[in-house]
């Protein structure tokens, strides 16, 4: 891997290695989205596709649904919200 001024050139690191590193740091990596997912369905370039993904995934309704799903899964496992202890 190439480094510049003690900095790793991440373009030289495989996608799988990057995913594994982020997973080790506590990120959920099972369902990543990429511009190609949008471009496979719509006739657009990668810049437009990325803007669509960003808006869709940061949409208030999407975020609310994710938090509701997290709450539901946690309750299903019998977990108690730490703020309610």
Protein backbone atom coordinates (compact mmCIF):
# COMPACT_ATOMS: atom_id res chain seq x y z
CA UNK A 1 0.00 0.00 0.00
CA UNK A 2 1.24 3.45 -0.86
CA UNK A 3 1.60 6.10 1.80
CA UNK A 4 2.16 9.79 1.50
CA UNK A 5 3.57 11.71 4.45
CA UNK A 6 2.57 8.86 6.81
CA UNK A 7 -0.92 8.78 5.30
CA UNK A 8 -2.34 5.59 3.79
CA UNK A 9 -3.63 5.89 0.23
CA UNK A 10 -7.08 4.38 0.72
CA UNK A 11 -7.53 3.89 -3.03
CA UNK A 12 -4.98 1.10 -2.68
CA UNK A 13 -7.06 -0.69 0.00
CA UNK A 14 -9.72 -3.17 -1.09
CA UNK A 15 -13.38 -2.39 -0.44
CA UNK A 16 -13.62 -5.51 1.72
CA UNK A 17 -10.68 -4.41 3.88
CA UNK A 18 -12.24 -0.96 4.29
CA UNK A 19 -15.56 -2.52 5.27
CA UNK A 20 -13.87 -4.78 7.81
CA UNK A 21 -12.01 -1.84 9.34
CA UNK A 22 -15.22 0.16 9.73
CA UNK A 23 -16.94 -2.87 11.23
CA UNK A 24 -14.12 -3.16 13.77
CA UNK A 25 -14.81 0.47 14.67
CA UNK A 26 -18.48 -0.31 15.39
CA UNK A 27 -20.17 0.58 12.10
CA UNK A 28 -22.91 -1.61 10.61
CA UNK A 29 -21.68 -2.66 7.17
CA UNK A 30 -24.22 -5.26 6.04
CA UNK A 31 -26.29 -3.06 3.76
CA UNK A 32 -24.25 -0.33 2.17
CA UNK A 33 -25.70 1.56 -0.75
CA UNK A 34 -23.76 2.87 -3.72
CA UNK A 35 -24.58 5.08 -6.66
CA UNK A 36 -24.69 2.00 -8.92
CA UNK A 37 -27.80 0.83 -7.03
CA UNK A 38 -29.65 3.91 -8.28
CA UNK A 39 -28.02 3.92 -11.71
CA UNK A 40 -29.13 0.31 -12.29
CA UNK A 41 -32.74 1.49 -12.10
CA UNK A 42 -32.60 5.09 -13.36
CA UNK A 43 -30.82 6.68 -16.27
CA UNK A 44 -28.54 9.10 -14.42
CA UNK A 45 -24.87 9.72 -13.72
CA UNK A 46 -23.09 8.84 -10.48
CA UNK A 47 -23.27 12.40 -9.13
CA UNK A 48 -27.07 12.53 -9.47
CA UNK A 49 -27.37 8.99 -8.11
CA UNK A 50 -25.33 9.92 -5.02
CA UNK A 51 -27.49 12.99 -4.39
CA UNK A 52 -30.59 10.78 -4.58
CA UNK A 53 -29.10 8.30 -2.11
CA UNK A 54 -28.09 11.03 0.32
CA UNK A 55 -31.56 12.61 0.28
CA UNK A 56 -33.35 9.26 0.51
CA UNK A 57 -31.23 7.90 3.36
CA UNK A 58 -31.19 11.15 5.33
CA UNK A 59 -34.91 11.72 4.87
CA UNK A 60 -36.72 12.30 8.20
CA UNK A 61 -39.21 9.50 7.52
CA UNK A 62 -36.38 7.06 6.73
CA UNK A 63 -34.47 8.03 9.85
CA UNK A 64 -37.59 7.74 12.01
CA UNK A 65 -38.33 4.29 10.61
CA UNK A 66 -34.78 3.14 11.35
CA UNK A 67 -35.02 4.33 14.97
CA UNK A 68 -38.43 2.62 15.34
CA UNK A 69 -36.93 -0.61 13.99
CA UNK A 70 -33.96 -0.35 16.37
CA UNK A 71 -36.35 0.19 19.28
CA UNK A 72 -38.50 -2.75 18.22
CA UNK A 73 -35.52 -5.10 17.85
CA UNK A 74 -34.07 -4.01 21.20
CA UNK A 75 -37.40 -4.53 22.98
CA UNK A 76 -37.78 -7.93 21.29
CA UNK A 77 -34.45 -8.90 22.88
CA UNK A 78 -35.68 -7.69 26.27
CA UNK A 79 -33.36 -4.70 26.43
CA UNK A 80 -34.23 -1.66 28.53
CA UNK A 81 -33.51 1.84 27.23
CA UNK A 82 -30.53 3.16 29.19
CA UNK A 83 -32.21 6.55 29.71
CA UNK A 84 -35.15 4.84 31.45
CA UNK A 85 -33.07 3.00 34.05
